[in-house]
């Protein structure tokens, strides 16, 4: 294997491991339309690939507009033991989830359905800012 190929493989591995190291484990639920008004944008519609952040992450609106990549990692109930679809979704923070735990995100119904079976209601996730 050539030196250039080895270097490229090493760079790819470091990039992959770095992205894993910055992922946060948590829980996700979902909320249903209407998504406006939102705490961040009022009546300005930001689409459906959106998320409401817990109070710590929201930090007095400083999270507004931040983007997060979210991946389902497992179920939280026996009713739907394998809810994950094996994909990720990129979301924009538009609102505060006042009832969310410190490790929880509240995804739009459409975003949740992209990564998991909505019948699960609540899932385990990992997420990181993009």
C-alpha atoms as a PDB file:
ATOM      1  CA  UNK A   1       0.000   0.000   0.000  1.00  0.00           C
ATOM      2  CA  UNK A   2       1.416   3.375  -0.989  1.00  0.00           C
ATOM      3  CA  UNK A   3       2.276   6.127   1.435  1.00  0.00           C
ATOM      4  CA  UNK A   4      -0.423   8.443   0.023  1.00  0.00           C
ATOM      5  CA  UNK A   5      -3.101   5.754   0.374  1.00  0.00           C
ATOM      6  CA  UNK A   6      -2.081   5.075   3.984  1.00  0.00           C
ATOM      7  CA  UNK A   7      -2.188   8.786   4.763  1.00  0.00           C
ATOM      8  CA  UNK A   8      -5.675   9.140   3.270  1.00  0.00           C
ATOM      9  CA  UNK A   9      -6.936   6.154   5.241  1.00  0.00           C
ATOM     10  CA  UNK A  10      -5.483   7.585   8.454  1.00  0.00           C
ATOM     11  CA  UNK A  11      -7.079  10.989   7.819  1.00  0.00           C
ATOM     12  CA  UNK A  12     -10.461   9.361   7.143  1.00  0.00           C
ATOM     13  CA  UNK A  13     -10.239   7.306  10.330  1.00  0.00           C
ATOM     14  CA  UNK A  14      -9.348  10.335  12.455  1.00  0.00           C
ATOM     15  CA  UNK A  15     -12.225  12.350  10.959  1.00  0.00           C
ATOM     16  CA  UNK A  16     -14.680   9.516  11.632  1.00  0.00           C
ATOM     17  CA  UNK A  17     -13.532   8.982  15.218  1.00  0.00           C
ATOM     18  CA  UNK A  18     -13.587  12.726  15.900  1.00  0.00           C
ATOM     19  CA  UNK A  19     -17.226  12.944  14.795  1.00  0.00           C
ATOM     20  CA  UNK A  20     -18.119  10.029  17.076  1.00  0.00           C
ATOM     21  CA  UNK A  21     -16.316  11.586  20.019  1.00  0.00           C
ATOM     22  CA  UNK A  22     -18.465  14.721  19.810  1.00  0.00           C
ATOM     23  CA  UNK A  23     -21.837  12.947  19.629  1.00  0.00           C
ATOM     24  CA  UNK A  24     -24.190  13.389  22.583  1.00  0.00           C
ATOM     25  CA  UNK A  25     -26.406  10.519  23.699  1.00  0.00           C
ATOM     26  CA  UNK A  26     -29.972  11.358  24.564  1.00  0.00           C
ATOM     27  CA  UNK A  27     -33.659  10.768  23.964  1.00  0.00           C
ATOM     28  CA  UNK A  28     -36.032  12.052  21.318  1.00  0.00           C
ATOM     29  CA  UNK A  29     -39.770  12.525  21.204  1.00  0.00           C
ATOM     30  CA  UNK A  30     -41.809  14.329  18.565  1.00  0.00           C
ATOM     31  CA  UNK A  31     -44.392  17.057  18.324  1.00  0.00           C
ATOM     32  CA  UNK A  32     -47.052  17.563  15.679  1.00  0.00           C
ATOM     33  CA  UNK A  33     -47.984  20.509  13.435  1.00  0.00           C
ATOM     34  CA  UNK A  34     -48.588  23.399  13.584  1.00  0.00           C
ATOM     35  CA  UNK A  35     -44.919  24.344  13.974  1.00  0.00           C
ATOM     36  CA  UNK A  36     -45.544  28.098  14.009  1.00  0.00           C
ATOM     37  CA  UNK A  37     -45.258  30.269  15.913  1.00  0.00           C
ATOM     38  CA  UNK A  38     -41.868  29.193  17.236  1.00  0.00           C
ATOM     39  CA  UNK A  39     -39.786  30.779  19.971  1.00  0.00           C
ATOM     40  CA  UNK A  40     -36.951  31.538  17.551  1.00  0.00           C
ATOM     41  CA  UNK A  41     -38.759  32.676  14.404  1.00  0.00           C
ATOM     42  CA  UNK A  42     -42.291  33.657  15.383  1.00  0.00           C
ATOM     43  CA  UNK A  43     -44.618  33.053  12.430  1.00  0.00           C
ATOM     44  CA  UNK A  44     -41.798  32.556   9.906  1.00  0.00           C
ATOM     45  CA  UNK A  45     -42.102  28.942   8.690  1.00  0.00           C
ATOM     46  CA  UNK A  46     -38.770  27.073   8.785  1.00  0.00           C
ATOM     47  CA  UNK A  47     -40.082  23.885   7.167  1.00  0.00           C
ATOM     48  CA  UNK A  48     -40.474  20.488   8.826  1.00  0.00           C
ATOM     49  CA  UNK A  49     -36.878  19.366   9.434  1.00  0.00           C
ATOM     50  CA  UNK A  50     -36.847  21.155  12.778  1.00  0.00           C
ATOM     51  CA  UNK A  51     -36.263  20.470  16.448  1.00  0.00           C
ATOM     52  CA  UNK A  52     -37.195  21.975  19.804  1.00  0.00           C
ATOM     53  CA  UNK A  53     -34.216  21.942  22.187  1.00  0.00           C
ATOM     54  CA  UNK A  54     -34.124  21.280  25.911  1.00  0.00           C
ATOM     55  CA  UNK A  55     -33.576  24.321  28.132  1.00  0.00           C
ATOM     56  CA  UNK A  56     -29.838  23.773  28.582  1.00  0.00           C
ATOM     57  CA  UNK A  57     -29.163  23.399  24.874  1.00  0.00           C
ATOM     58  CA  UNK A  58     -31.565  26.215  23.978  1.00  0.00           C
ATOM     59  CA  UNK A  59     -29.696  28.546  26.350  1.00  0.00           C
ATOM     60  CA  UNK A  60     -31.985  31.559  26.099  1.00  0.00           C
ATOM     61  CA  UNK A  61     -32.357  31.392  22.307  1.00  0.00           C
ATOM     62  CA  UNK A  62     -28.618  31.132  21.600  1.00  0.00           C
ATOM     63  CA  UNK A  63     -29.284  27.776  19.899  1.00  0.00           C
ATOM     64  CA  UNK A  64     -31.743  29.296  17.397  1.00  0.00           C
ATOM     65  CA  UNK A  65     -30.701  28.327  13.885  1.00  0.00           C
ATOM     66  CA  UNK A  66     -28.081  25.812  14.971  1.00  0.00           C
ATOM     67  CA  UNK A  67     -28.128  22.582  13.004  1.00  0.00           C
ATOM     68  CA  UNK A  68     -27.873  19.104  14.455  1.00  0.00           C
ATOM     69  CA  UNK A  69     -27.491  15.674  12.894  1.00  0.00           C
ATOM     70  CA  UNK A  70     -29.611  13.130  14.774  1.00  0.00           C
ATOM     71  CA  UNK A  71     -29.460   9.330  14.603  1.00  0.00           C
ATOM     72  CA  UNK A  72     -31.723   6.791  16.294  1.00  0.00           C
ATOM     73  CA  UNK A  73     -29.737   4.297  18.383  1.00  0.00           C
ATOM     74  CA  UNK A  74     -32.523   2.221  19.961  1.00  0.00           C
ATOM     75  CA  UNK A  75     -35.959   1.916  21.426  1.00  0.00           C
ATOM     76  CA  UNK A  76     -37.137   2.845  24.903  1.00  0.00           C
ATOM     77  CA  UNK A  77     -40.180   0.587  25.199  1.00  0.00           C
ATOM     78  CA  UNK A  78     -41.120  -3.033  24.579  1.00  0.00           C
ATOM     79  CA  UNK A  79     -43.989  -2.050  22.273  1.00  0.00           C
ATOM     80  CA  UNK A  80     -41.592  -1.140  19.455  1.00  0.00           C
ATOM     81  CA  UNK A  81     -38.293  -2.814  20.406  1.00  0.00           C
ATOM     82  CA  UNK A  82     -36.477  -1.989  17.128  1.00  0.00           C
ATOM     83  CA  UNK A  83     -37.777   1.400  15.940  1.00  0.00           C
ATOM     84  CA  UNK A  84     -34.647   2.703  14.175  1.00  0.00           C
ATOM     85  CA  UNK A  85     -34.552   3.016  10.388  1.00  0.00           C
ATOM     86  CA  UNK A  86     -30.755   3.269  10.133  1.00  0.00           C
ATOM     87  CA  UNK A  87     -30.641   6.812   8.808  1.00  0.00           C
ATOM     88  CA  UNK A  88     -29.807  10.280  10.078  1.00  0.00           C
ATOM     89  CA  UNK A  89     -31.644  13.567   9.796  1.00  0.00           C
ATOM     90  CA  UNK A  90     -30.285  17.135   9.807  1.00  0.00           C
ATOM     91  CA  UNK A  91     -32.430  19.535  11.823  1.00  0.00           C
ATOM     92  CA  UNK A  92     -32.579  23.234  12.663  1.00  0.00           C
ATOM     93  CA  UNK A  93     -33.366  24.450  16.189  1.00  0.00           C
ATOM     94  CA  UNK A  94     -36.505  26.597  16.055  1.00  0.00           C
ATOM     95  CA  UNK A  95     -38.026  26.278  19.497  1.00  0.00           C
ATOM     96  CA  UNK A  96     -37.684  25.492  23.186  1.00  0.00           C
ATOM     97  CA  UNK A  97     -39.018  22.243  24.598  1.00  0.00           C
ATOM     98  CA  UNK A  98     -39.878  23.318  28.158  1.00  0.00           C
ATOM     99  CA  UNK A  99     -40.827  19.793  29.267  1.00  0.00           C
ATOM    100  CA  UNK A 100     -37.739  18.072  27.860  1.00  0.00           C
ATOM    101  CA  UNK A 101     -35.121  16.465  30.066  1.00  0.00           C
ATOM    102  CA  UNK A 102     -31.548  17.750  29.850  1.00  0.00           C
ATOM    103  CA  UNK A 103     -30.606  15.065  27.307  1.00  0.00           C
ATOM    104  CA  UNK A 104     -33.821  15.203  25.257  1.00  0.00           C
ATOM    105  CA  UNK A 105     -34.768  16.724  21.906  1.00  0.00           C
ATOM    106  CA  UNK A 106     -38.308  17.133  20.587  1.00  0.00           C
ATOM    107  CA  UNK A 107     -38.254  16.512  16.828  1.00  0.00           C
ATOM    108  CA  UNK A 108     -40.934  17.449  14.341  1.00  0.00           C
ATOM    109  CA  UNK A 109     -43.159  14.490  13.531  1.00  0.00           C
ATOM    110  CA  UNK A 110     -41.711  14.348  10.004  1.00  0.00           C
ATOM    111  CA  UNK A 111     -38.109  14.336  11.243  1.00  0.00           C
ATOM    112  CA  UNK A 112     -38.822  11.601  13.793  1.00  0.00           C
ATOM    113  CA  UNK A 113     -40.485   9.476  11.100  1.00  0.00           C
ATOM    114  CA  UNK A 114     -37.339   9.685   8.939  1.00  0.00           C
ATOM    115  CA  UNK A 115     -35.183   7.996  11.578  1.00  0.00           C
ATOM    116  CA  UNK A 116     -37.645   5.849  13.542  1.00  0.00           C
ATOM    117  CA  UNK A 117     -41.099   4.327  13.702  1.00  0.00           C
ATOM    118  CA  UNK A 118     -43.391   7.040  15.170  1.00  0.00           C
ATOM    119  CA  UNK A 119     -45.299   4.331  17.056  1.00  0.00           C
ATOM    120  CA  UNK A 120     -42.297   4.146  19.400  1.00  0.00           C
ATOM    121  CA  UNK A 121     -43.077   7.642  20.723  1.00  0.00           C
ATOM    122  CA  UNK A 122     -39.657   8.000  22.387  1.00  0.00           C
ATOM    123  CA  UNK A 123     -36.294   6.726  21.161  1.00  0.00           C
ATOM    124  CA  UNK A 124     -32.641   6.717  22.141  1.00  0.00           C
ATOM    125  CA  UNK A 125     -30.534   8.993  19.936  1.00  0.00           C
ATOM    126  CA  UNK A 126     -27.136  10.453  19.430  1.00  0.00           C
ATOM    127  CA  UNK A 127     -26.718  13.934  18.013  1.00  0.00           C
ATOM    128  CA  UNK A 128     -24.047  16.478  17.201  1.00  0.00           C
ATOM    129  CA  UNK A 129     -23.871  19.966  15.820  1.00  0.00           C
ATOM    130  CA  UNK A 130     -23.105  20.247  12.107  1.00  0.00           C
END
